[in-house]
Amino acid sequence: MTIYTTSWCGYCARLKRQLDRHGVPYVEVDIERHPEAAQFVMGVNRGNRTVPTVAFADGTVMTNPPMARVLGHLAGAA
């Protein structure tokens, strides 16, 4: 699972804390440091640089999802 973030995003920080608390591994990509990541985020969010954007291994993408939705998706993929 990859989480696209920015350094100043409070929603990103909250989701990462929740994932850490649940022991869920993820790769973080800061879209301000990686222009290709910003392009990906804009491509899946109708041109908006909305973070957190979460990309799962199965190709599913969620924008600013609640933790329960992330856990539910991971449980369904297992």
C-alpha atoms as a PDB file:
ATOM      1  CA  MET A   1       0.000   0.000   0.000  1.00  0.00           C
ATOM      2  CA  THR A   2       1.282   3.447  -0.917  1.00  0.00           C
ATOM      3  CA  ILE A   3       0.113   6.650   0.747  1.00  0.00           C
ATOM      4  CA  TYR A   4       0.604   9.889  -1.167  1.00  0.00           C
ATOM      5  CA  THR A   5       1.045  12.779   1.258  1.00  0.00           C
ATOM      6  CA  THR A   6       2.466  16.239   1.864  1.00  0.00           C
ATOM      7  CA  SER A   7       4.492  17.326   4.883  1.00  0.00           C
ATOM      8  CA  TRP A   8       1.829  19.802   6.037  1.00  0.00           C
ATOM      9  CA  CYS A   9      -1.279  17.604   5.656  1.00  0.00           C
ATOM     10  CA  GLY A  10      -3.004  16.962   8.983  1.00  0.00           C
ATOM     11  CA  TYR A  11      -5.244  14.261   7.496  1.00  0.00           C
ATOM     12  CA  CYS A  12      -2.134  12.469   6.237  1.00  0.00           C
ATOM     13  CA  ALA A  13      -0.503  12.592   9.664  1.00  0.00           C
ATOM     14  CA  ARG A  14      -3.646  11.225  11.294  1.00  0.00           C
ATOM     15  CA  LEU A  15      -3.970   8.323   8.837  1.00  0.00           C
ATOM     16  CA  LYS A  16      -0.279   7.426   9.228  1.00  0.00           C
ATOM     17  CA  ARG A  17      -0.609   7.429  13.039  1.00  0.00           C
ATOM     18  CA  GLN A  18      -3.638   5.148  12.805  1.00  0.00           C
ATOM     19  CA  LEU A  19      -1.869   2.780  10.403  1.00  0.00           C
ATOM     20  CA  ASP A  20       1.171   2.690  12.668  1.00  0.00           C
ATOM     21  CA  ARG A  21      -1.031   1.967  15.690  1.00  0.00           C
ATOM     22  CA  HIS A  22      -2.611  -0.978  13.830  1.00  0.00           C
ATOM     23  CA  GLY A  23       0.747  -2.235  12.549  1.00  0.00           C
ATOM     24  CA  VAL A  24      -0.236  -1.768   8.906  1.00  0.00           C
ATOM     25  CA  PRO A  25       2.816  -1.385   6.643  1.00  0.00           C
ATOM     26  CA  TYR A  26       2.833   1.326   3.984  1.00  0.00           C
ATOM     27  CA  VAL A  27       5.132   3.271   1.719  1.00  0.00           C
ATOM     28  CA  GLU A  28       4.842   7.055   1.981  1.00  0.00           C
ATOM     29  CA  VAL A  29       5.435   9.295  -1.034  1.00  0.00           C
ATOM     30  CA  ASP A  30       5.493  13.081  -0.590  1.00  0.00           C
ATOM     31  CA  ILE A  31       3.942  14.571  -3.730  1.00  0.00           C
ATOM     32  CA  GLU A  32       5.793  17.845  -3.194  1.00  0.00           C
ATOM     33  CA  ARG A  33       9.136  16.047  -3.555  1.00  0.00           C
ATOM     34  CA  HIS A  34       8.115  13.691  -6.358  1.00  0.00           C
ATOM     35  CA  PRO A  35       6.436  15.386  -9.354  1.00  0.00           C
ATOM     36  CA  GLU A  36       5.503  12.032 -10.915  1.00  0.00           C
ATOM     37  CA  ALA A  37       3.604  11.159  -7.738  1.00  0.00           C
ATOM     38  CA  ALA A  38       1.775  14.491  -7.880  1.00  0.00           C
ATOM     39  CA  GLN A  39       0.760  13.652 -11.457  1.00  0.00           C
ATOM     40  CA  PHE A  40      -0.585  10.271 -10.313  1.00  0.00           C
ATOM     41  CA  VAL A  41      -2.591  11.893  -7.507  1.00  0.00           C
ATOM     42  CA  MET A  42      -4.024  14.505  -9.875  1.00  0.00           C
ATOM     43  CA  GLY A  43      -4.882  11.764 -12.362  1.00  0.00           C
ATOM     44  CA  VAL A  44      -7.008   9.832  -9.884  1.00  0.00           C
ATOM     45  CA  ASN A  45      -8.550  12.926  -8.244  1.00  0.00           C
ATOM     46  CA  ARG A  46      -9.941  14.843 -11.234  1.00  0.00           C
ATOM     47  CA  GLY A  47      -6.947  17.148 -11.441  1.00  0.00           C
ATOM     48  CA  ASN A  48      -6.766  17.857  -7.713  1.00  0.00           C
ATOM     49  CA  ARG A  49      -3.704  17.250  -5.532  1.00  0.00           C
ATOM     50  CA  THR A  50      -5.834  15.756  -2.757  1.00  0.00           C
ATOM     51  CA  VAL A  51      -3.984  13.883  -0.029  1.00  0.00           C
ATOM     52  CA  PRO A  52      -3.912  11.449   1.546  1.00  0.00           C
ATOM     53  CA  THR A  53      -4.464   9.338  -1.519  1.00  0.00           C
ATOM     54  CA  VAL A  54      -4.010   5.633  -0.843  1.00  0.00           C
ATOM     55  CA  ALA A  55      -3.118   3.166  -3.608  1.00  0.00           C
ATOM     56  CA  PHE A  56      -3.499  -0.544  -2.879  1.00  0.00           C
ATOM     57  CA  ALA A  57      -1.650  -3.416  -4.548  1.00  0.00           C
ATOM     58  CA  ASP A  58      -4.856  -4.506  -6.319  1.00  0.00           C
ATOM     59  CA  GLY A  59      -5.098  -1.143  -8.111  1.00  0.00           C
ATOM     60  CA  THR A  60      -7.811   0.311  -5.884  1.00  0.00           C
ATOM     61  CA  VAL A  61      -7.303   3.972  -4.960  1.00  0.00           C
ATOM     62  CA  MET A  62      -8.988   5.829  -2.085  1.00  0.00           C
ATOM     63  CA  THR A  63      -8.870   9.542  -1.360  1.00  0.00           C
ATOM     64  CA  ASN A  64      -8.799  10.659   2.278  1.00  0.00           C
ATOM     65  CA  PRO A  65     -10.327   7.376   3.451  1.00  0.00           C
ATOM     66  CA  PRO A  66     -11.325   6.715   7.045  1.00  0.00           C
ATOM     67  CA  MET A  67      -9.213   4.095   8.777  1.00  0.00           C
ATOM     68  CA  ALA A  68     -12.136   1.646   8.935  1.00  0.00           C
ATOM     69  CA  ARG A  69     -12.431   1.724   5.148  1.00  0.00           C
ATOM     70  CA  VAL A  70      -8.703   1.065   4.720  1.00  0.00           C
ATOM     71  CA  LEU A  71      -8.805  -1.842   7.166  1.00  0.00           C
ATOM     72  CA  GLY A  72     -11.932  -3.225   5.521  1.00  0.00           C
ATOM     73  CA  HIS A  73     -10.295  -3.154   2.117  1.00  0.00           C
ATOM     74  CA  LEU A  74      -7.159  -4.818   3.420  1.00  0.00           C
ATOM     75  CA  ALA A  75      -9.221  -7.522   5.147  1.00  0.00           C
ATOM     76  CA  GLY A  76     -11.128  -8.185   1.930  1.00  0.00           C
ATOM     77  CA  ALA A  77      -7.905  -8.447  -0.057  1.00  0.00           C
ATOM     78  CA  ALA A  78      -6.358 -10.962   2.333  1.00  0.00           C
END
